[in-house]
PDB file of N, CA and C in Angstrom:
ATOM      1  N   UNK A   1      -3.048 -24.929 -58.434  1.00  0.00           N
ATOM      2  CA  UNK A   1      -3.136 -23.629 -58.761  1.00  0.00           C
ATOM      3  C   UNK A   1      -1.940 -23.557 -60.067  1.00  0.00           C
ATOM      4  N   UNK A   2      -2.615 -24.022 -61.483  1.00  0.00           N
ATOM      5  CA  UNK A   2      -2.317 -24.054 -62.748  1.00  0.00           C
ATOM      6  C   UNK A   2      -2.266 -22.986 -64.006  1.00  0.00           C
ATOM      7  N   UNK A   3      -3.048 -21.818 -63.320  1.00  0.00           N
ATOM      8  CA  UNK A   3      -3.299 -20.778 -64.323  1.00  0.00           C
ATOM      9  C   UNK A   3      -4.433 -19.892 -62.946  1.00  0.00           C
ATOM     10  N   UNK A   4      -4.182 -18.381 -64.045  1.00  0.00           N
ATOM     11  CA  UNK A   4      -4.672 -17.097 -63.799  1.00  0.00           C
ATOM     12  C   UNK A   4      -5.486 -17.261 -62.749  1.00  0.00           C
ATOM     13  N   UNK A   5      -6.751 -17.758 -62.888  1.00  0.00           N
ATOM     14  CA  UNK A   5      -7.788 -17.772 -62.307  1.00  0.00           C
ATOM     15  C   UNK A   5      -8.040 -18.714 -61.413  1.00  0.00           C
ATOM     16  N   UNK A   6      -6.865 -19.367 -61.116  1.00  0.00           N
ATOM     17  CA  UNK A   6      -6.795 -20.413 -59.927  1.00  0.00           C
ATOM     18  C   UNK A   6      -6.354 -19.390 -58.694  1.00  0.00           C
ATOM     19  N   UNK A   7      -4.939 -18.472 -59.443  1.00  0.00           N
ATOM     20  CA  UNK A   7      -4.585 -17.994 -58.740  1.00  0.00           C
ATOM     21  C   UNK A   7      -5.582 -16.364 -58.128  1.00  0.00           C
ATOM     22  N   UNK A   8      -6.743 -16.264 -58.498  1.00  0.00           N
ATOM     23  CA  UNK A   8      -7.570 -15.690 -58.627  1.00  0.00           C
ATOM     24  C   UNK A   8      -8.425 -15.493 -57.168  1.00  0.00           C
ATOM     25  N   UNK A   9      -8.202 -16.725 -57.553  1.00  0.00           N
ATOM     26  CA  UNK A   9      -9.916 -17.250 -56.099  1.00  0.00           C
ATOM     27  C   UNK A   9      -8.406 -17.488 -54.905  1.00  0.00           C
ATOM     28  N   UNK A  10      -7.361 -17.662 -54.903  1.00  0.00           N
ATOM     29  CA  UNK A  10      -6.993 -18.122 -54.014  1.00  0.00           C
ATOM     30  C   UNK A  10      -6.504 -16.562 -53.145  1.00  0.00           C
ATOM     31  N   UNK A  11      -6.376 -15.453 -54.359  1.00  0.00           N
ATOM     32  CA  UNK A  11      -6.803 -14.088 -53.767  1.00  0.00           C
ATOM     33  C   UNK A  11      -7.453 -13.145 -53.325  1.00  0.00           C
ATOM     34  N   UNK A  12      -8.981 -13.651 -53.970  1.00  0.00           N
ATOM     35  CA  UNK A  12     -10.223 -13.297 -53.516  1.00  0.00           C
ATOM     36  C   UNK A  12     -10.116 -14.222 -52.103  1.00  0.00           C
ATOM     37  N   UNK A  13     -10.024 -15.381 -51.324  1.00  0.00           N
ATOM     38  CA  UNK A  13      -9.890 -15.701 -49.833  1.00  0.00           C
ATOM     39  C   UNK A  13      -9.317 -14.638 -49.527  1.00  0.00           C
ATOM     40  N   UNK A  14      -8.539 -14.548 -49.504  1.00  0.00           N
ATOM     41  CA  UNK A  14      -6.786 -13.211 -49.112  1.00  0.00           C
ATOM     42  C   UNK A  14      -7.644 -11.864 -49.135  1.00  0.00           C
ATOM     43  N   UNK A  15      -8.880 -11.627 -49.847  1.00  0.00           N
ATOM     44  CA  UNK A  15      -9.335  -9.933 -49.783  1.00  0.00           C
ATOM     45  C   UNK A  15      -9.630  -9.635 -48.989  1.00  0.00           C
ATOM     46  N   UNK A  16      -9.362  -9.832 -47.188  1.00  0.00           N
ATOM     47  CA  UNK A  16     -10.238 -10.120 -46.554  1.00  0.00           C
ATOM     48  C   UNK A  16      -9.697  -9.294 -45.440  1.00  0.00           C
ATOM     49  N   UNK A  17     -10.171  -7.970 -44.992  1.00  0.00           N
ATOM     50  CA  UNK A  17      -9.288  -7.677 -43.247  1.00  0.00           C
ATOM     51  C   UNK A  17      -8.853  -9.107 -42.686  1.00  0.00           C
ATOM     52  N   UNK A  18     -10.247  -9.464 -42.037  1.00  0.00           N
ATOM     53  CA  UNK A  18     -10.456 -11.137 -40.558  1.00  0.00           C
ATOM     54  C   UNK A  18      -9.535 -11.846 -41.299  1.00  0.00           C
ATOM     55  N   UNK A  19      -9.821 -12.156 -43.305  1.00  0.00           N
ATOM     56  CA  UNK A  19      -8.908 -13.078 -43.323  1.00  0.00           C
ATOM     57  C   UNK A  19      -7.483 -12.912 -42.989  1.00  0.00           C
ATOM     58  N   UNK A  20      -7.314 -12.200 -43.382  1.00  0.00           N
ATOM     59  CA  UNK A  20      -6.121 -11.659 -43.671  1.00  0.00           C
ATOM     60  C   UNK A  20      -5.091 -11.940 -42.280  1.00  0.00           C
ATOM     61  N   UNK A  21      -5.992 -11.641 -41.147  1.00  0.00           N
ATOM     62  CA  UNK A  21      -5.587 -11.054 -39.734  1.00  0.00           C
ATOM     63  C   UNK A  21      -5.177 -12.729 -39.187  1.00  0.00           C
ATOM     64  N   UNK A  22      -6.512 -13.823 -39.341  1.00  0.00           N
ATOM     65  CA  UNK A  22      -6.632 -15.350 -39.247  1.00  0.00           C
ATOM     66  C   UNK A  22      -5.226 -15.401 -39.595  1.00  0.00           C
ATOM     67  N   UNK A  23      -5.007 -15.455 -41.309  1.00  0.00           N
ATOM     68  CA  UNK A  23      -3.281 -16.521 -41.724  1.00  0.00           C
ATOM     69  C   UNK A  23      -2.771 -15.419 -40.543  1.00  0.00           C
ATOM     70  N   UNK A  24      -2.821 -14.359 -40.868  1.00  0.00           N
ATOM     71  CA  UNK A  24      -0.881 -13.248 -39.647  1.00  0.00           C
ATOM     72  C   UNK A  24      -1.326 -14.955 -38.510  1.00  0.00           C
ATOM     73  N   UNK A  25      -2.077 -14.609 -37.817  1.00  0.00           N
ATOM     74  CA  UNK A  25      -2.342 -15.833 -36.632  1.00  0.00           C
ATOM     75  C   UNK A  25      -1.679 -17.126 -36.833  1.00  0.00           C
ATOM     76  N   UNK A  26      -2.023 -17.605 -37.211  1.00  0.00           N
ATOM     77  CA  UNK A  26      -1.860 -18.849 -38.097  1.00  0.00           C
ATOM     78  C   UNK A  26      -0.599 -19.498 -38.415  1.00  0.00           C
ATOM     79  N   UNK A  27      -0.230 -17.683 -38.857  1.00  0.00           N
ATOM     80  CA  UNK A  27       1.302 -18.029 -39.022  1.00  0.00           C
ATOM     81  C   UNK A  27       2.219 -18.460 -37.735  1.00  0.00           C
ATOM     82  N   UNK A  28       1.784 -18.261 -36.543  1.00  0.00           N
ATOM     83  CA  UNK A  28       2.514 -18.979 -35.127  1.00  0.00           C
ATOM     84  C   UNK A  28       2.020 -20.187 -35.142  1.00  0.00           C
ATOM     85  N   UNK A  29       0.727 -20.563 -35.512  1.00  0.00           N
ATOM     86  CA  UNK A  29       1.124 -22.604 -35.448  1.00  0.00           C
ATOM     87  C   UNK A  29      -0.391 -22.578 -35.259  1.00  0.00           C
ATOM     88  N   UNK A  30      -0.354 -24.030 -34.681  1.00  0.00           N
ATOM     89  CA  UNK A  30      -1.743 -24.386 -34.935  1.00  0.00           C
ATOM     90  C   UNK A  30      -2.672 -23.699 -33.954  1.00  0.00           C
ATOM     91  N   UNK A  31      -3.851 -23.134 -33.995  1.00  0.00           N
ATOM     92  CA  UNK A  31      -4.709 -22.778 -33.399  1.00  0.00           C
ATOM     93  C   UNK A  31      -6.216 -22.855 -34.403  1.00  0.00           C
ATOM     94  N   UNK A  32      -6.843 -23.483 -32.278  1.00  0.00           N
ATOM     95  CA  UNK A  32      -9.097 -23.374 -32.623  1.00  0.00           C
ATOM     96  C   UNK A  32      -9.923 -22.466 -32.531  1.00  0.00           C
ATOM     97  N   UNK A  33     -10.923 -22.847 -32.956  1.00  0.00           N
ATOM     98  CA  UNK A  33     -11.564 -21.424 -33.321  1.00  0.00           C
ATOM     99  C   UNK A  33     -11.609 -20.229 -31.963  1.00  0.00           C
ATOM    100  N   UNK A  34     -12.192 -20.863 -30.413  1.00  0.00           N
ATOM    101  CA  UNK A  34     -11.831 -20.593 -29.892  1.00  0.00           C
ATOM    102  C   UNK A  34     -10.728 -19.714 -29.380  1.00  0.00           C
ATOM    103  N   UNK A  35      -9.500 -19.984 -29.991  1.00  0.00           N
ATOM    104  CA  UNK A  35      -8.277 -19.079 -29.425  1.00  0.00           C
ATOM    105  C   UNK A  35      -8.435 -18.120 -30.844  1.00  0.00           C
ATOM    106  N   UNK A  36      -8.819 -18.065 -31.854  1.00  0.00           N
ATOM    107  CA  UNK A  36      -8.769 -16.970 -33.067  1.00  0.00           C
ATOM    108  C   UNK A  36     -10.281 -15.638 -32.086  1.00  0.00           C
ATOM    109  N   UNK A  37     -11.559 -16.948 -31.657  1.00  0.00           N
ATOM    110  CA  UNK A  37     -12.507 -15.806 -31.084  1.00  0.00           C
ATOM    111  C   UNK A  37     -12.177 -14.856 -30.390  1.00  0.00           C
ATOM    112  N   UNK A  38     -11.016 -15.340 -29.518  1.00  0.00           N
ATOM    113  CA  UNK A  38     -10.111 -14.472 -28.589  1.00  0.00           C
ATOM    114  C   UNK A  38      -9.302 -13.131 -29.038  1.00  0.00           C
ATOM    115  N   UNK A  39      -8.102 -14.097 -29.418  1.00  0.00           N
ATOM    116  CA  UNK A  39      -7.435 -13.057 -30.098  1.00  0.00           C
ATOM    117  C   UNK A  39      -8.281 -12.000 -31.243  1.00  0.00           C
ATOM    118  N   UNK A  40      -9.415 -12.440 -31.948  1.00  0.00           N
ATOM    119  CA  UNK A  40      -9.428 -11.610 -33.102  1.00  0.00           C
ATOM    120  C   UNK A  40     -11.032 -10.369 -32.525  1.00  0.00           C
ATOM    121  N   UNK A  41     -11.168 -11.271 -31.077  1.00  0.00           N
ATOM    122  CA  UNK A  41     -12.174  -9.905 -30.174  1.00  0.00           C
ATOM    123  C   UNK A  41     -14.071 -10.310 -31.490  1.00  0.00           C
ATOM    124  N   UNK A  42     -14.020 -11.217 -32.049  1.00  0.00           N
ATOM    125  CA  UNK A  42     -15.060 -11.523 -32.706  1.00  0.00           C
ATOM    126  C   UNK A  42     -16.104 -12.640 -32.739  1.00  0.00           C
ATOM    127  N   UNK A  43     -17.075 -12.798 -33.302  1.00  0.00           N
ATOM    128  CA  UNK A  43     -18.739 -13.944 -32.662  1.00  0.00           C
ATOM    129  C   UNK A  43     -17.322 -15.677 -33.122  1.00  0.00           C
ATOM    130  N   UNK A  44     -17.814 -16.945 -32.101  1.00  0.00           N
ATOM    131  CA  UNK A  44     -17.697 -18.052 -33.556  1.00  0.00           C
ATOM    132  C   UNK A  44     -17.919 -18.204 -34.650  1.00  0.00           C
ATOM    133  N   UNK A  45     -19.728 -17.349 -34.707  1.00  0.00           N
ATOM    134  CA  UNK A  45     -20.087 -18.156 -35.991  1.00  0.00           C
ATOM    135  C   UNK A  45     -19.644 -16.539 -37.091  1.00  0.00           C
ATOM    136  N   UNK A  46     -19.011 -15.649 -36.856  1.00  0.00           N
ATOM    137  CA  UNK A  46     -18.375 -15.011 -38.317  1.00  0.00           C
ATOM    138  C   UNK A  46     -16.727 -15.919 -38.030  1.00  0.00           C
ATOM    139  N   UNK A  47     -16.594 -16.391 -36.941  1.00  0.00           N
ATOM    140  CA  UNK A  47     -14.705 -16.571 -37.191  1.00  0.00           C
ATOM    141  C   UNK A  47     -15.284 -18.142 -38.643  1.00  0.00           C
ATOM    142  N   UNK A  48     -15.711 -18.873 -37.828  1.00  0.00           N
ATOM    143  CA  UNK A  48     -16.020 -19.989 -39.617  1.00  0.00           C
ATOM    144  C   UNK A  48     -16.143 -20.150 -40.081  1.00  0.00           C
ATOM    145  N   UNK A  49     -17.371 -19.082 -40.168  1.00  0.00           N
ATOM    146  CA  UNK A  49     -17.501 -18.265 -41.420  1.00  0.00           C
ATOM    147  C   UNK A  49     -16.601 -18.102 -42.892  1.00  0.00           C
ATOM    148  N   UNK A  50     -14.693 -17.014 -41.749  1.00  0.00           N
ATOM    149  CA  UNK A  50     -14.378 -17.266 -42.645  1.00  0.00           C
ATOM    150  C   UNK A  50     -13.072 -18.309 -42.150  1.00  0.00           C
ATOM    151  N   UNK A  51     -13.157 -18.962 -42.070  1.00  0.00           N
ATOM    152  CA  UNK A  51     -12.245 -20.679 -41.658  1.00  0.00           C
ATOM    153  C   UNK A  51     -12.826 -20.921 -43.008  1.00  0.00           C
ATOM    154  N   UNK A  52     -14.195 -21.167 -43.607  1.00  0.00           N
ATOM    155  CA  UNK A  52     -15.019 -21.561 -44.039  1.00  0.00           C
ATOM    156  C   UNK A  52     -14.185 -21.601 -45.498  1.00  0.00           C
ATOM    157  N   UNK A  53     -14.178 -19.967 -45.985  1.00  0.00           N
ATOM    158  CA  UNK A  53     -14.187 -19.355 -47.017  1.00  0.00           C
ATOM    159  C   UNK A  53     -12.226 -20.179 -46.903  1.00  0.00           C
ATOM    160  N   UNK A  54     -11.212 -19.183 -46.042  1.00  0.00           N
ATOM    161  CA  UNK A  54      -9.898 -20.054 -46.359  1.00  0.00           C
ATOM    162  C   UNK A  54      -9.719 -21.983 -46.582  1.00  0.00           C
ATOM    163  N   UNK A  55     -10.590 -22.328 -46.221  1.00  0.00           N
ATOM    164  CA  UNK A  55     -10.420 -23.254 -46.310  1.00  0.00           C
ATOM    165  C   UNK A  55     -10.986 -24.775 -47.727  1.00  0.00           C
ATOM    166  N   UNK A  56     -11.853 -24.104 -48.176  1.00  0.00           N
ATOM    167  CA  UNK A  56     -12.513 -23.582 -48.924  1.00  0.00           C
ATOM    168  C   UNK A  56     -10.574 -23.209 -50.762  1.00  0.00           C
ATOM    169  N   UNK A  57      -9.865 -22.942 -50.231  1.00  0.00           N
ATOM    170  CA  UNK A  57      -9.515 -22.317 -51.190  1.00  0.00           C
ATOM    171  C   UNK A  57      -7.582 -23.236 -50.627  1.00  0.00           C
ATOM    172  N   UNK A  58      -7.991 -23.791 -50.107  1.00  0.00           N
ATOM    173  CA  UNK A  58      -6.946 -24.899 -49.655  1.00  0.00           C
ATOM    174  C   UNK A  58      -6.187 -24.183 -48.090  1.00  0.00           C
ATOM    175  N   UNK A  59      -6.015 -22.697 -49.081  1.00  0.00           N
ATOM    176  CA  UNK A  59      -5.078 -22.266 -47.307  1.00  0.00           C
ATOM    177  C   UNK A  59      -4.747 -22.986 -46.001  1.00  0.00           C
ATOM    178  N   UNK A  60      -5.645 -23.762 -45.026  1.00  0.00           N
ATOM    179  CA  UNK A  60      -5.255 -23.949 -44.095  1.00  0.00           C
ATOM    180  C   UNK A  60      -6.280 -25.237 -44.700  1.00  0.00           C
ATOM    181  N   UNK A  61      -5.668 -25.617 -42.912  1.00  0.00           N
ATOM    182  CA  UNK A  61      -5.972 -27.234 -43.207  1.00  0.00           C
ATOM    183  C   UNK A  61      -6.543 -27.386 -41.385  1.00  0.00           C
ATOM    184  N   UNK A  62      -7.493 -28.177 -41.335  1.00  0.00           N
ATOM    185  CA  UNK A  62      -8.357 -28.340 -40.460  1.00  0.00           C
ATOM    186  C   UNK A  62      -8.244 -29.837 -40.046  1.00  0.00           C
ATOM    187  N   UNK A  63      -7.869 -29.886 -38.872  1.00  0.00           N
ATOM    188  CA  UNK A  63      -7.405 -31.175 -38.561  1.00  0.00           C
ATOM    189  C   UNK A  63      -8.496 -31.553 -36.915  1.00  0.00           C
ATOM    190  N   UNK A  64      -8.973 -32.918 -36.461  1.00  0.00           N
ATOM    191  CA  UNK A  64      -9.689 -33.077 -35.950  1.00  0.00           C
ATOM    192  C   UNK A  64      -9.086 -33.678 -35.261  1.00  0.00           C
ATOM    193  N   UNK A  65      -9.619 -33.092 -33.406  1.00  0.00           N
ATOM    194  CA  UNK A  65      -9.081 -33.359 -32.107  1.00  0.00           C
ATOM    195  C   UNK A  65     -10.132 -33.722 -31.098  1.00  0.00           C
ATOM    196  N   UNK A  66      -9.952 -34.616 -31.344  1.00  0.00           N
ATOM    197  CA  UNK A  66     -11.831 -34.439 -30.083  1.00  0.00           C
ATOM    198  C   UNK A  66     -12.524 -34.132 -30.933  1.00  0.00           C
ATOM    199  N   UNK A  67     -13.913 -33.560 -29.803  1.00  0.00           N
ATOM    200  CA  UNK A  67     -14.469 -32.617 -30.068  1.00  0.00           C
ATOM    201  C   UNK A  67     -13.813 -30.876 -30.371  1.00  0.00           C
ATOM    202  N   UNK A  68     -12.449 -30.853 -31.302  1.00  0.00           N
ATOM    203  CA  UNK A  68     -12.036 -29.191 -31.898  1.00  0.00           C
ATOM    204  C   UNK A  68     -11.657 -29.702 -32.480  1.00  0.00           C
ATOM    205  N   UNK A  69     -11.569 -28.761 -33.264  1.00  0.00           N
ATOM    206  CA  UNK A  69     -10.908 -28.401 -34.203  1.00  0.00           C
ATOM    207  C   UNK A  69      -9.453 -27.450 -34.369  1.00  0.00           C
ATOM    208  N   UNK A  70      -8.109 -27.720 -35.129  1.00  0.00           N
ATOM    209  CA  UNK A  70      -7.132 -27.388 -35.119  1.00  0.00           C
ATOM    210  C   UNK A  70      -6.893 -26.838 -36.645  1.00  0.00           C
ATOM    211  N   UNK A  71      -6.355 -25.606 -36.294  1.00  0.00           N
ATOM    212  CA  UNK A  71      -6.380 -25.040 -38.550  1.00  0.00           C
ATOM    213  C   UNK A  71      -4.813 -24.741 -37.909  1.00  0.00           C
ATOM    214  N   UNK A  72      -4.106 -25.088 -39.194  1.00  0.00           N
ATOM    215  CA  UNK A  72      -3.476 -23.815 -39.947  1.00  0.00           C
ATOM    216  C   UNK A  72      -3.093 -23.709 -41.073  1.00  0.00           C
ATOM    217  N   UNK A  73      -1.735 -23.206 -41.542  1.00  0.00           N
ATOM    218  CA  UNK A  73      -1.682 -22.709 -42.446  1.00  0.00           C
ATOM    219  C   UNK A  73      -1.270 -24.280 -43.268  1.00  0.00           C
ATOM    220  N   UNK A  74      -2.126 -24.235 -45.155  1.00  0.00           N
ATOM    221  CA  UNK A  74      -1.390 -24.491 -45.686  1.00  0.00           C
ATOM    222  C   UNK A  74      -0.357 -24.761 -45.951  1.00  0.00           C
ATOM    223  N   UNK A  75       1.153 -24.157 -45.848  1.00  0.00           N
ATOM    224  CA  UNK A  75       2.143 -24.242 -46.579  1.00  0.00           C
ATOM    225  C   UNK A  75       2.165 -24.653 -47.979  1.00  0.00           C
ATOM    226  N   UNK A  76       1.642 -25.617 -48.157  1.00  0.00           N
ATOM    227  CA  UNK A  76       2.361 -25.981 -49.558  1.00  0.00           C
ATOM    228  C   UNK A  76       1.739 -25.137 -51.665  1.00  0.00           C
ATOM    229  N   UNK A  77       0.889 -24.873 -50.107  1.00  0.00           N
ATOM    230  CA  UNK A  77      -0.617 -23.813 -50.942  1.00  0.00           C
ATOM    231  C   UNK A  77       0.476 -22.408 -51.498  1.00  0.00           C
ATOM    232  N   UNK A  78       1.107 -21.342 -49.968  1.00  0.00           N
ATOM    233  CA  UNK A  78       0.760 -20.453 -49.908  1.00  0.00           C
ATOM    234  C   UNK A  78       2.629 -20.268 -50.606  1.00  0.00           C
ATOM    235  N   UNK A  79       3.632 -21.599 -50.799  1.00  0.00           N
ATOM    236  CA  UNK A  79       4.538 -21.537 -51.209  1.00  0.00           C
ATOM    237  C   UNK A  79       4.529 -21.291 -52.621  1.00  0.00           C
ATOM    238  N   UNK A  80       3.136 -22.177 -53.647  1.00  0.00           N
ATOM    239  CA  UNK A  80       3.201 -21.962 -54.183  1.00  0.00           C
ATOM    240  C   UNK A  80       1.723 -20.976 -55.012  1.00  0.00           C
ATOM    241  N   UNK A  81       1.778 -20.334 -54.862  1.00  0.00           N
ATOM    242  CA  UNK A  81       1.021 -18.422 -54.516  1.00  0.00           C
ATOM    243  C   UNK A  81       1.534 -17.817 -54.730  1.00  0.00           C
ATOM    244  N   UNK A  82       3.378 -17.877 -53.734  1.00  0.00           N
ATOM    245  CA  UNK A  82       4.229 -17.226 -53.791  1.00  0.00           C
ATOM    246  C   UNK A  82       4.492 -17.153 -55.403  1.00  0.00           C
ATOM    247  N   UNK A  83       5.741 -18.532 -55.830  1.00  0.00           N
ATOM    248  CA  UNK A  83       6.166 -18.825 -57.012  1.00  0.00           C
ATOM    249  C   UNK A  83       5.217 -18.519 -58.376  1.00  0.00           C
ATOM    250  N   UNK A  84       4.440 -18.441 -58.245  1.00  0.00           N
ATOM    251  CA  UNK A  84       3.576 -17.804 -59.467  1.00  0.00           C
ATOM    252  C   UNK A  84       3.401 -16.657 -59.124  1.00  0.00           C
ATOM    253  N   UNK A  85       2.574 -16.107 -57.630  1.00  0.00           N
ATOM    254  CA  UNK A  85       3.029 -14.290 -57.601  1.00  0.00           C
ATOM    255  C   UNK A  85       3.668 -14.389 -58.253  1.00  0.00           C
ATOM    256  N   UNK A  86       5.098 -14.838 -58.673  1.00  0.00           N
ATOM    257  CA  UNK A  86       6.246 -14.210 -58.539  1.00  0.00           C
ATOM    258  C   UNK A  86       6.083 -14.332 -60.328  1.00  0.00           C
ATOM    259  N   UNK A  87       6.528 -15.786 -60.604  1.00  0.00           N
ATOM    260  CA  UNK A  87       6.196 -15.353 -62.315  1.00  0.00           C
ATOM    261  C   UNK A  87       5.459 -14.451 -63.045  1.00  0.00           C
ATOM    262  N   UNK A  88       4.022 -14.644 -62.743  1.00  0.00           N
ATOM    263  CA  UNK A  88       3.107 -13.832 -63.426  1.00  0.00           C
ATOM    264  C   UNK A  88       3.838 -12.590 -63.389  1.00  0.00           C
ATOM    265  N   UNK A  89       4.359 -11.582 -62.273  1.00  0.00           N
ATOM    266  CA  UNK A  89       4.891 -10.293 -62.385  1.00  0.00           C
ATOM    267  C   UNK A  89       6.563  -9.965 -62.784  1.00  0.00           C
ATOM    268  N   UNK A  90       7.524 -11.666 -63.840  1.00  0.00           N
ATOM    269  CA  UNK A  90       8.274 -11.342 -64.518  1.00  0.00           C
ATOM    270  C   UNK A  90       8.200 -11.499 -65.580  1.00  0.00           C
ATOM    271  N   UNK A  91       9.523 -10.763 -66.264  1.00  0.00           N
ATOM    272  CA  UNK A  91       9.419 -10.961 -67.861  1.00  0.00           C
ATOM    273  C   UNK A  91      10.083 -12.422 -67.942  1.00  0.00           C
ATOM    274  N   UNK A  92       9.278 -12.912 -69.414  1.00  0.00           N
ATOM    275  CA  UNK A  92       9.796 -14.676 -69.274  1.00  0.00           C
ATOM    276  C   UNK A  92       9.282 -14.162 -71.019  1.00  0.00           C
ATOM    277  N   UNK A  93      10.717 -14.762 -71.943  1.00  0.00           N
ATOM    278  CA  UNK A  93      10.421 -14.315 -74.171  1.00  0.00           C
ATOM    279  C   UNK A  93       9.189 -15.400 -73.595  1.00  0.00           C
ATOM    280  N   UNK A  94       9.280 -16.473 -73.224  1.00  0.00           N
ATOM    281  CA  UNK A  94       8.479 -17.395 -73.953  1.00  0.00           C
ATOM    282  C   UNK A  94       6.380 -16.554 -73.982  1.00  0.00           C
ATOM    283  N   UNK A  95       6.371 -16.158 -72.220  1.00  0.00           N
ATOM    284  CA  UNK A  95       5.221 -15.841 -72.002  1.00  0.00           C
ATOM    285  C   UNK A  95       5.056 -14.574 -72.839  1.00  0.00           C
ATOM    286  N   UNK A  96       5.902 -14.051 -73.309  1.00  0.00           N
ATOM    287  CA  UNK A  96       5.843 -12.667 -73.481  1.00  0.00           C
ATOM    288  C   UNK A  96       5.629 -12.112 -74.763  1.00  0.00           C
ATOM    289  N   UNK A  97       5.892 -14.191 -75.364  1.00  0.00           N
ATOM    290  CA  UNK A  97       6.047 -13.436 -77.294  1.00  0.00           C
ATOM    291  C   UNK A  97       3.993 -13.512 -77.957  1.00  0.00           C
ATOM    292  N   UNK A  98       3.991 -12.621 -77.692  1.00  0.00           N
ATOM    293  CA  UNK A  98       2.531 -12.430 -78.855  1.00  0.00           C
ATOM    294  C   UNK A  98       3.431 -10.610 -79.322  1.00  0.00           C
ATOM    295  N   UNK A  99       2.404 -10.398 -80.471  1.00  0.00           N
ATOM    296  CA  UNK A  99       2.757  -9.222 -81.622  1.00  0.00           C
ATOM    297  C   UNK A  99       1.796  -8.246 -80.798  1.00  0.00           C
ATOM    298  N   UNK A 100       2.915  -6.997 -80.370  1.00  0.00           N
ATOM    299  CA  UNK A 100       2.190  -6.032 -79.619  1.00  0.00           C
ATOM    300  C   UNK A 100       1.220  -4.897 -80.657  1.00  0.00           C
ATOM    301  N   UNK A 101      -0.130  -4.651 -80.603  1.00  0.00           N
ATOM    302  CA  UNK A 101      -0.219  -3.626 -80.993  1.00  0.00           C
ATOM    303  C   UNK A 101       0.158  -1.952 -81.540  1.00  0.00           C
ATOM    304  N   UNK A 102      -0.036  -1.411 -82.593  1.00  0.00           N
ATOM    305  CA  UNK A 102       0.698  -0.328 -82.797  1.00  0.00           C
ATOM    306  C   UNK A 102      -0.095   0.912 -82.079  1.00  0.00           C
ATOM    307  N   UNK A 103      -0.619   1.078 -80.724  1.00  0.00           N
ATOM    308  CA  UNK A 103      -0.480   2.013 -79.541  1.00  0.00           C
ATOM    309  C   UNK A 103      -0.023   3.150 -80.723  1.00  0.00           C
ATOM    310  N   UNK A 104      -0.598   4.465 -80.625  1.00  0.00           N
ATOM    311  CA  UNK A 104      -0.137   5.939 -80.698  1.00  0.00           C
ATOM    312  C   UNK A 104      -0.081   6.569 -79.383  1.00  0.00           C
ATOM    313  N   UNK A 105       0.728   7.114 -79.017  1.00  0.00           N
ATOM    314  CA  UNK A 105       1.433   7.909 -77.832  1.00  0.00           C
ATOM    315  C   UNK A 105       0.814   8.878 -77.383  1.00  0.00           C
TER     316      UNK A 105
END
């Protein structure tokens, strides 16, 4: 996540109530699809669809365990996202070194 476009892609993946609920549940630890289905009362294909989007954004990690797959948060990506959001919302003289227009009020 080195630029604004990368941050936007991650935020797009998070811009869904179901995916935010999944992230919230995974903050408690590893879970398999069947756990998420039970907790969210959604179908397995629906949960799998949302997990795929989160996985493609590197927000979660999938680990195969026999015939099951466990999902967990990718803490490194969430820490990086927090740092990037802090950077883009904080004044920095180097970042803000551009000529301003002369807009009339």
